[in-house]
C-alpha atoms as a PDB file:
ATOM      1  CA  MET A   1       0.178  16.504  10.448  1.00  0.00           C
ATOM      2  CA  ILE A   2       2.568  13.197  10.225  1.00  0.00           C
ATOM      3  CA  ALA A   3       1.820  12.198  13.757  1.00  0.00           C
ATOM      4  CA  LEU A   4      -1.583  12.569  13.366  1.00  0.00           C
ATOM      5  CA  LEU A   5      -1.577  10.183  10.323  1.00  0.00           C
ATOM      6  CA  ALA A   6       0.589   7.825  12.488  1.00  0.00           C
ATOM      7  CA  VAL A   7      -2.044   7.530  15.699  1.00  0.00           C
ATOM      8  CA  ALA A   8      -4.756   7.213  13.283  1.00  0.00           C
ATOM      9  CA  GLY A   9      -2.835   4.697  11.244  1.00  0.00           C
ATOM     10  CA  LEU A  10      -1.984   2.803  14.360  1.00  0.00           C
ATOM     11  CA  MET A  11      -5.978   2.590  15.386  1.00  0.00           C
ATOM     12  CA  VAL A  12      -6.995   1.662  11.873  1.00  0.00           C
ATOM     13  CA  GLY A  13      -4.173  -0.934  11.844  1.00  0.00           C
ATOM     14  CA  ALA A  14      -5.000  -2.468  15.259  1.00  0.00           C
ATOM     15  CA  ALA A  15      -8.482  -3.031  14.194  1.00  0.00           C
ATOM     16  CA  LEU A  16      -7.594  -4.870  10.776  1.00  0.00           C
ATOM     17  CA  PRO A  17      -7.374  -8.377  12.753  1.00  0.00           C
ATOM     18  CA  TRP A  18     -11.046  -8.209  13.133  1.00  0.00           C
ATOM     19  CA  GLY A  19     -11.788  -7.390   9.699  1.00  0.00           C
ATOM     20  CA  ILE A  20      -9.414 -10.367   8.587  1.00  0.00           C
ATOM     21  CA  SER A  21     -11.914 -12.779  10.908  1.00  0.00           C
ATOM     22  CA  ARG A  22     -14.766 -11.733   8.969  1.00  0.00           C
ATOM     23  CA  ILE A  23     -13.298 -12.793   5.797  1.00  0.00           C
ATOM     24  CA  PRO A  24     -15.430 -15.968   4.792  1.00  0.00           C
ATOM     25  CA  ASP A  25     -13.606 -19.151   4.267  1.00  0.00           C
ATOM     26  CA  ARG A  26     -13.261 -20.823   0.974  1.00  0.00           C
ATOM     27  CA  ALA A  27     -13.823 -24.584   0.775  1.00  0.00           C
ATOM     28  CA  PRO A  28     -10.584 -26.653  -0.847  1.00  0.00           C
ATOM     29  CA  ALA A  29     -11.426 -27.909  -4.192  1.00  0.00           C
ATOM     30  CA  ASP A  30     -10.945 -31.942  -4.185  1.00  0.00           C
ATOM     31  CA  GLY A  31      -7.325 -32.851  -4.069  1.00  0.00           C
ATOM     32  CA  GLU A  32      -6.531 -29.420  -2.467  1.00  0.00           C
ATOM     33  CA  PRO A  33      -4.931 -29.303   1.002  1.00  0.00           C
ATOM     34  CA  ALA A  34      -6.982 -27.841   4.075  1.00  0.00           C
ATOM     35  CA  VAL A  35      -6.341 -24.127   4.273  1.00  0.00           C
ATOM     36  CA  THR A  36      -6.224 -21.871   7.837  1.00  0.00           C
ATOM     37  CA  SER A  37      -9.519 -20.093   8.402  1.00  0.00           C
ATOM     38  CA  TYR A  38      -9.225 -16.712   8.615  1.00  0.00           C
ATOM     39  CA  ARG A  39     -10.342 -16.508  12.127  1.00  0.00           C
ATOM     40  CA  GLU A  40      -7.408 -18.670  12.948  1.00  0.00           C
ATOM     41  CA  LEU A  41      -5.175 -16.203  10.977  1.00  0.00           C
ATOM     42  CA  SER A  42      -6.556 -13.357  12.826  1.00  0.00           C
ATOM     43  CA  SER A  43      -6.006 -14.751  16.282  1.00  0.00           C
ATOM     44  CA  LEU A  44      -2.047 -14.359  16.147  1.00  0.00           C
ATOM     45  CA  HIS A  45      -0.889 -13.159  19.527  1.00  0.00           C
ATOM     46  CA  GLY A  46      -0.153  -9.555  19.190  1.00  0.00           C
ATOM     47  CA  LEU A  47      -1.126  -9.497  15.837  1.00  0.00           C
ATOM     48  CA  PRO A  48      -3.154  -5.945  16.721  1.00  0.00           C
ATOM     49  CA  VAL A  49      -0.256  -4.324  17.840  1.00  0.00           C
ATOM     50  CA  ILE A  50       2.000  -5.632  14.737  1.00  0.00           C
ATOM     51  CA  LEU A  51      -0.626  -4.428  12.087  1.00  0.00           C
ATOM     52  CA  GLY A  52      -1.128  -1.329  14.026  1.00  0.00           C
ATOM     53  CA  VAL A  53       2.457  -0.005  14.256  1.00  0.00           C
ATOM     54  CA  SER A  54       2.947  -1.250  10.166  1.00  0.00           C
ATOM     55  CA  ALA A  55      -0.128   0.816   9.181  1.00  0.00           C
ATOM     56  CA  ALA A  56       1.064   3.735  11.549  1.00  0.00           C
ATOM     57  CA  GLY A  57       4.667   3.560   9.687  1.00  0.00           C
ATOM     58  CA  ILE A  58       2.786   3.399   6.128  1.00  0.00           C
ATOM     59  CA  TRP A  59       0.389   6.123   6.939  1.00  0.00           C
ATOM     60  CA  ALA A  60       3.066   8.422   8.245  1.00  0.00           C
ATOM     61  CA  PHE A  61       5.767   7.663   5.480  1.00  0.00           C
ATOM     62  CA  MET A  62       2.497   8.408   2.850  1.00  0.00           C
ATOM     63  CA  GLY A  63       2.044  11.897   4.911  1.00  0.00           C
ATOM     64  CA  LEU A  64       5.601  12.945   3.477  1.00  0.00           C
ATOM     65  CA  ALA A  65       3.700  13.335   0.136  1.00  0.00           C
ATOM     66  CA  ARG A  66       0.492  14.665   1.153  1.00  0.00           C
ATOM     67  CA  ALA A  67       1.123  17.977  -0.577  1.00  0.00           C
ATOM     68  CA  GLU A  68       1.394  16.213  -3.951  1.00  0.00           C
ATOM     69  CA  LEU A  69      -1.263  13.783  -3.358  1.00  0.00           C
ATOM     70  CA  SER A  70      -3.978  16.814  -2.235  1.00  0.00           C
ATOM     71  CA  SER A  71      -7.293  15.401  -2.193  1.00  0.00           C
ATOM     72  CA  ALA A  72      -6.253  12.069  -3.333  1.00  0.00           C
ATOM     73  CA  LEU A  73      -4.565  11.147   0.097  1.00  0.00           C
ATOM     74  CA  PRO A  74      -7.478   9.479   1.491  1.00  0.00           C
ATOM     75  CA  ALA A  75      -7.444   6.804  -1.390  1.00  0.00           C
ATOM     76  CA  PHE A  76      -3.566   6.113  -0.646  1.00  0.00           C
ATOM     77  CA  LEU A  77      -4.363   5.679   3.067  1.00  0.00           C
ATOM     78  CA  LEU A  78      -7.229   3.276   2.504  1.00  0.00           C
ATOM     79  CA  VAL A  79      -5.022   1.035   0.210  1.00  0.00           C
ATOM     80  CA  GLY A  80      -2.179   1.378   2.492  1.00  0.00           C
ATOM     81  CA  ALA A  81      -4.157  -0.106   5.815  1.00  0.00           C
ATOM     82  CA  LEU A  82      -5.825  -2.837   3.074  1.00  0.00           C
ATOM     83  CA  GLY A  83      -2.193  -3.731   1.861  1.00  0.00           C
ATOM     84  CA  VAL A  84      -0.971  -4.149   5.546  1.00  0.00           C
ATOM     85  CA  ALA A  85      -3.757  -6.797   5.891  1.00  0.00           C
ATOM     86  CA  MET A  86      -3.076  -8.372   2.607  1.00  0.00           C
ATOM     87  CA  ALA A  87       0.683  -8.469   3.154  1.00  0.00           C
ATOM     88  CA  TYR A  88       0.005 -10.476   6.475  1.00  0.00           C
ATOM     89  CA  VAL A  89      -2.317 -13.112   5.014  1.00  0.00           C
ATOM     90  CA  ASP A  90      -0.039 -13.162   1.623  1.00  0.00           C
ATOM     91  CA  ILE A  91       3.072 -14.155   3.788  1.00  0.00           C
ATOM     92  CA  ARG A  92       1.062 -16.514   6.116  1.00  0.00           C
ATOM     93  CA  GLU A  93      -0.937 -18.359   3.534  1.00  0.00           C
ATOM     94  CA  HIS A  94       0.324 -17.482   0.182  1.00  0.00           C
ATOM     95  CA  ARG A  95      -2.943 -15.973  -1.205  1.00  0.00           C
ATOM     96  CA  LEU A  96      -4.659 -12.445  -1.573  1.00  0.00           C
ATOM     97  CA  PRO A  97      -8.355 -12.412  -0.466  1.00  0.00           C
ATOM     98  CA  ASP A  98     -10.974 -11.135  -2.991  1.00  0.00           C
ATOM     99  CA  TRP A  99     -12.523  -9.629   0.097  1.00  0.00           C
ATOM    100  CA  LEU A 100      -9.623  -7.315   0.500  1.00  0.00           C
ATOM    101  CA  THR A 101      -8.331  -6.443  -2.938  1.00  0.00           C
ATOM    102  CA  TYR A 102     -11.670  -5.600  -4.248  1.00  0.00           C
ATOM    103  CA  PRO A 103     -12.574  -3.338  -1.439  1.00  0.00           C
ATOM    104  CA  ALA A 104      -9.485  -1.732  -1.968  1.00  0.00           C
ATOM    105  CA  LEU A 105      -9.889  -1.168  -5.761  1.00  0.00           C
ATOM    106  CA  VAL A 106     -13.800  -0.218  -5.317  1.00  0.00           C
ATOM    107  CA  GLY A 107     -12.824   2.640  -2.401  1.00  0.00           C
ATOM    108  CA  ALA A 108      -9.483   3.707  -4.073  1.00  0.00           C
ATOM    109  CA  ALA A 109     -11.798   4.278  -7.356  1.00  0.00           C
ATOM    110  CA  VAL A 110     -14.642   6.076  -5.445  1.00  0.00           C
ATOM    111  CA  ALA A 111     -11.854   8.398  -3.321  1.00  0.00           C
ATOM    112  CA  LEU A 112     -10.000   9.169  -6.833  1.00  0.00           C
ATOM    113  CA  ALA A 113     -13.284  10.158  -8.659  1.00  0.00           C
ATOM    114  CA  VAL A 114     -14.230  12.645  -5.511  1.00  0.00           C
ATOM    115  CA  ALA A 115     -10.502  13.987  -5.607  1.00  0.00           C
ATOM    116  CA  ALA A 116     -10.821  14.594  -9.443  1.00  0.00           C
ATOM    117  CA  GLY A 117     -14.242  15.915  -8.987  1.00  0.00           C
ATOM    118  CA  VAL A 118     -12.627  18.637  -6.084  1.00  0.00           C
ATOM    119  CA  ASP A 119      -9.377  19.427  -7.866  1.00  0.00           C
ATOM    120  CA  GLY A 120     -10.812  19.088 -11.429  1.00  0.00           C
ATOM    121  CA  GLU A 121      -7.990  16.514 -12.178  1.00  0.00           C
ATOM    122  CA  TRP A 122     -10.207  14.083 -14.400  1.00  0.00           C
ATOM    123  CA  GLY A 123      -7.440  13.838 -17.010  1.00  0.00           C
ATOM    124  CA  ALA A 124      -5.717  12.162 -13.763  1.00  0.00           C
ATOM    125  CA  TYR A 125      -8.593   9.976 -13.202  1.00  0.00           C
ATOM    126  CA  ALA A 126      -8.722   8.659 -16.492  1.00  0.00           C
ATOM    127  CA  ARG A 127      -5.124   7.998 -16.490  1.00  0.00           C
ATOM    128  CA  ALA A 128      -5.376   6.070 -13.297  1.00  0.00           C
ATOM    129  CA  TRP A 129      -7.849   3.694 -14.898  1.00  0.00           C
ATOM    130  CA  ALA A 130      -5.549   3.271 -17.928  1.00  0.00           C
ATOM    131  CA  GLY A 131      -2.702   2.564 -15.488  1.00  0.00           C
ATOM    132  CA  ALA A 132      -4.410   0.058 -13.536  1.00  0.00           C
ATOM    133  CA  GLY A 133      -5.450  -1.932 -17.245  1.00  0.00           C
ATOM    134  CA  ALA A 134      -2.093  -1.799 -17.853  1.00  0.00           C
ATOM    135  CA  CYS A 135      -0.776  -3.318 -14.747  1.00  0.00           C
ATOM    136  CA  VAL A 136      -3.270  -6.345 -15.220  1.00  0.00           C
ATOM    137  CA  ALA A 137      -2.363  -6.802 -18.636  1.00  0.00           C
ATOM    138  CA  PHE A 138       1.396  -6.719 -17.721  1.00  0.00           C
ATOM    139  CA  TYR A 139       0.880  -8.998 -14.526  1.00  0.00           C
ATOM    140  CA  LEU A 140      -1.607 -11.187 -16.316  1.00  0.00           C
ATOM    141  CA  PHE A 141       0.924 -11.966 -18.841  1.00  0.00           C
ATOM    142  CA  LEU A 142       3.823 -12.804 -16.449  1.00  0.00           C
ATOM    143  CA  ALA A 143       0.896 -15.187 -14.499  1.00  0.00           C
ATOM    144  CA  VAL A 144       0.546 -16.998 -17.570  1.00  0.00           C
ATOM    145  CA  LEU A 145       4.205 -17.149 -18.376  1.00  0.00           C
ATOM    146  CA  ARG A 146       5.435 -18.203 -14.999  1.00  0.00           C
ATOM    147  CA  PRO A 147       1.972 -19.391 -12.911  1.00  0.00           C
ATOM    148  CA  SER A 148       4.509 -20.957 -10.170  1.00  0.00           C
ATOM    149  CA  ASP A 149       5.745 -17.369  -9.674  1.00  0.00           C
ATOM    150  CA  LEU A 150       2.557 -15.085  -9.864  1.00  0.00           C
ATOM    151  CA  GLY A 151      -1.086 -16.028  -8.940  1.00  0.00           C
ATOM    152  CA  LEU A 152      -4.300 -14.269 -10.257  1.00  0.00           C
ATOM    153  CA  GLY A 153      -4.151 -12.900  -6.654  1.00  0.00           C
ATOM    154  CA  ASP A 154      -1.207 -11.040  -7.755  1.00  0.00           C
ATOM    155  CA  VAL A 155      -3.084  -9.737 -10.857  1.00  0.00           C
ATOM    156  CA  LYS A 156      -5.848  -8.383  -9.313  1.00  0.00           C
ATOM    157  CA  LEU A 157      -3.871  -6.577  -6.560  1.00  0.00           C
ATOM    158  CA  SER A 158      -1.910  -4.954  -9.767  1.00  0.00           C
ATOM    159  CA  ALA A 159      -5.301  -3.220 -10.615  1.00  0.00           C
ATOM    160  CA  VAL A 160      -5.272  -1.548  -7.370  1.00  0.00           C
ATOM    161  CA  ILE A 161      -1.552  -0.387  -7.528  1.00  0.00           C
ATOM    162  CA  GLY A 162      -1.824   0.544 -11.085  1.00  0.00           C
ATOM    163  CA  LEU A 163      -5.005   2.928 -10.359  1.00  0.00           C
ATOM    164  CA  LEU A 164      -3.051   4.542  -7.580  1.00  0.00           C
ATOM    165  CA  LEU A 165       0.317   5.130  -9.266  1.00  0.00           C
ATOM    166  CA  GLY A 166      -1.456   5.745 -12.744  1.00  0.00           C
ATOM    167  CA  TRP A 167      -3.490   9.095 -11.030  1.00  0.00           C
ATOM    168  CA  ILE A 168       0.064  10.261 -10.105  1.00  0.00           C
ATOM    169  CA  GLY A 169       1.740   9.602 -13.425  1.00  0.00           C
ATOM    170  CA  TRP A 170       3.097   6.975 -16.033  1.00  0.00           C
ATOM    171  CA  PRO A 171       6.931   7.930 -14.877  1.00  0.00           C
ATOM    172  CA  VAL A 172       5.884   6.820 -11.366  1.00  0.00           C
ATOM    173  CA  LEU A 173       3.933   3.704 -12.305  1.00  0.00           C
ATOM    174  CA  ILE A 174       6.984   2.630 -14.358  1.00  0.00           C
ATOM    175  CA  PHE A 175       9.165   2.927 -11.378  1.00  0.00           C
ATOM    176  CA  GLY A 176       6.475   1.400  -8.628  1.00  0.00           C
ATOM    177  CA  VAL A 177       6.551  -2.125 -10.791  1.00  0.00           C
ATOM    178  CA  PHE A 178      10.213  -1.789 -11.127  1.00  0.00           C
ATOM    179  CA  SER A 179      10.814  -1.534  -7.363  1.00  0.00           C
ATOM    180  CA  ALA A 180       8.255  -4.613  -6.831  1.00  0.00           C
ATOM    181  CA  PHE A 181      10.801  -6.353  -8.481  1.00  0.00           C
ATOM    182  CA  VAL A 182      13.673  -5.132  -7.205  1.00  0.00           C
ATOM    183  CA  VAL A 183      12.231  -5.569  -3.452  1.00  0.00           C
ATOM    184  CA  GLY A 184      11.045  -9.211  -4.328  1.00  0.00           C
ATOM    185  CA  ALA A 185      14.656 -10.235  -5.608  1.00  0.00           C
ATOM    186  CA  LEU A 186      16.064  -8.754  -2.381  1.00  0.00           C
ATOM    187  CA  LEU A 187      13.769 -10.268  -0.056  1.00  0.00           C
ATOM    188  CA  GLY A 188      14.143 -13.645  -1.912  1.00  0.00           C
ATOM    189  CA  LEU A 189      17.923 -12.977  -1.606  1.00  0.00           C
ATOM    190  CA  LEU A 190      17.805 -12.836   2.210  1.00  0.00           C
ATOM    191  CA  LEU A 191      15.535 -15.781   3.008  1.00  0.00           C
ATOM    192  CA  ILE A 192      17.891 -17.923   1.011  1.00  0.00           C
ATOM    193  CA  VAL A 193      20.861 -16.175   2.982  1.00  0.00           C
ATOM    194  CA  ALA A 194      18.961 -16.847   6.200  1.00  0.00           C
ATOM    195  CA  GLY A 195      18.191 -20.597   5.113  1.00  0.00           C
ATOM    196  CA  ARG A 196      14.589 -20.059   5.103  1.00  0.00           C
ATOM    197  CA  ALA A 197      14.073 -20.585   1.678  1.00  0.00           C
ATOM    198  CA  GLY A 198      15.853 -21.948  -1.690  1.00  0.00           C
ATOM    199  CA  ARG A 199      16.201 -20.932  -5.178  1.00  0.00           C
ATOM    200  CA  ARG A 200      12.705 -22.492  -6.340  1.00  0.00           C
ATOM    201  CA  SER A 201      10.860 -21.482  -3.086  1.00  0.00           C
ATOM    202  CA  ALA A 202       7.835 -20.152  -3.948  1.00  0.00           C
ATOM    203  CA  ILE A 203       7.848 -16.340  -2.385  1.00  0.00           C
ATOM    204  CA  PRO A 204       4.893 -14.234  -1.623  1.00  0.00           C
ATOM    205  CA  PHE A 205       4.790 -11.106  -4.369  1.00  0.00           C
ATOM    206  CA  GLY A 206       1.968  -9.206  -2.829  1.00  0.00           C
ATOM    207  CA  PRO A 207       4.196  -7.834   0.072  1.00  0.00           C
ATOM    208  CA  PRO A 208       7.023  -6.525  -2.383  1.00  0.00           C
ATOM    209  CA  MET A 209       4.316  -5.197  -5.018  1.00  0.00           C
ATOM    210  CA  LEU A 210       2.908  -3.201  -2.152  1.00  0.00           C
ATOM    211  CA  VAL A 211       6.232  -1.950  -0.682  1.00  0.00           C
ATOM    212  CA  GLY A 212       7.112  -0.928  -4.444  1.00  0.00           C
ATOM    213  CA  MET A 213       3.761   1.070  -4.410  1.00  0.00           C
ATOM    214  CA  VAL A 214       4.630   3.118  -1.223  1.00  0.00           C
ATOM    215  CA  LEU A 215       8.093   3.557  -2.400  1.00  0.00           C
ATOM    216  CA  ALA A 216       6.949   5.069  -5.623  1.00  0.00           C
ATOM    217  CA  VAL A 217       4.559   7.171  -3.950  1.00  0.00           C
ATOM    218  CA  VAL A 218       6.733   8.986  -1.648  1.00  0.00           C
ATOM    219  CA  TRP A 219       9.984   9.096  -3.652  1.00  0.00           C
ATOM    220  CA  GLY A 220       8.894   7.843  -7.195  1.00  0.00           C
ATOM    221  CA  GLN A 221       8.681  11.233  -8.809  1.00  0.00           C
ATOM    222  CA  THR A 222      11.689  12.579  -7.001  1.00  0.00           C
ATOM    223  CA  LEU A 223      13.978   9.776  -8.163  1.00  0.00           C
ATOM    224  CA  VAL A 224      12.576   9.988 -11.595  1.00  0.00           C
ATOM    225  CA  ASP A 225      12.925  13.747 -11.975  1.00  0.00           C
ATOM    226  CA  ALA A 226      16.824  12.933 -10.487  1.00  0.00           C
ATOM    227  CA  TYR A 227      17.363  10.316 -13.223  1.00  0.00           C
ATOM    228  CA  LEU A 228      16.245  12.471 -16.115  1.00  0.00           C
ATOM    229  CA  THR A 229      18.451  15.221 -15.055  1.00  0.00           C
ATOM    230  CA  LEU A 230      21.509  13.051 -15.359  1.00  0.00           C
END
């Protein structure tokens, strides 16, 4: 099953550059510098391989939690694939396109609704939306407090992450949010050590949020249970 997910993820990921190239470009406002077009972003040499391998790894890794996710697995795979495209654009341009975050949110909501109907988990579905709302409120507060560190794209992405992790449970949601900040701090430290960033450099936070989500999906409940039994 994990091998099958890896192969499927590889094919889906390899098609992501085509999807990125179809995102409409936004005209810069007065005084804003010109931004790289999505068609140009999608034309990076070897990008289908890079995104394909990334999606394959994420789908295979999420496959480790397939028994716990059950009918909800498609929602997590969808966000995992779109998350690869989001992370790439955020790393390159420090922005998270609505054309990726909104489909991820709507697609995950629909897939989780189907899972709730199949498994009778409407309580989990309600908790998923509560988790999405809690994450949006938390990240919006941080974005208002530190607009140089977090943008509205991160706030919108938090709704997707809150929805998925809220479906699993509140402890996993908290673990996922905490993990994002740990991953972000480690990434910033590595970039500083490598001379690629300074202490005040803006670092895209979308990738750490997505990595934290994936870690929470696979290991969150196990680590939370281990902590609670100490």
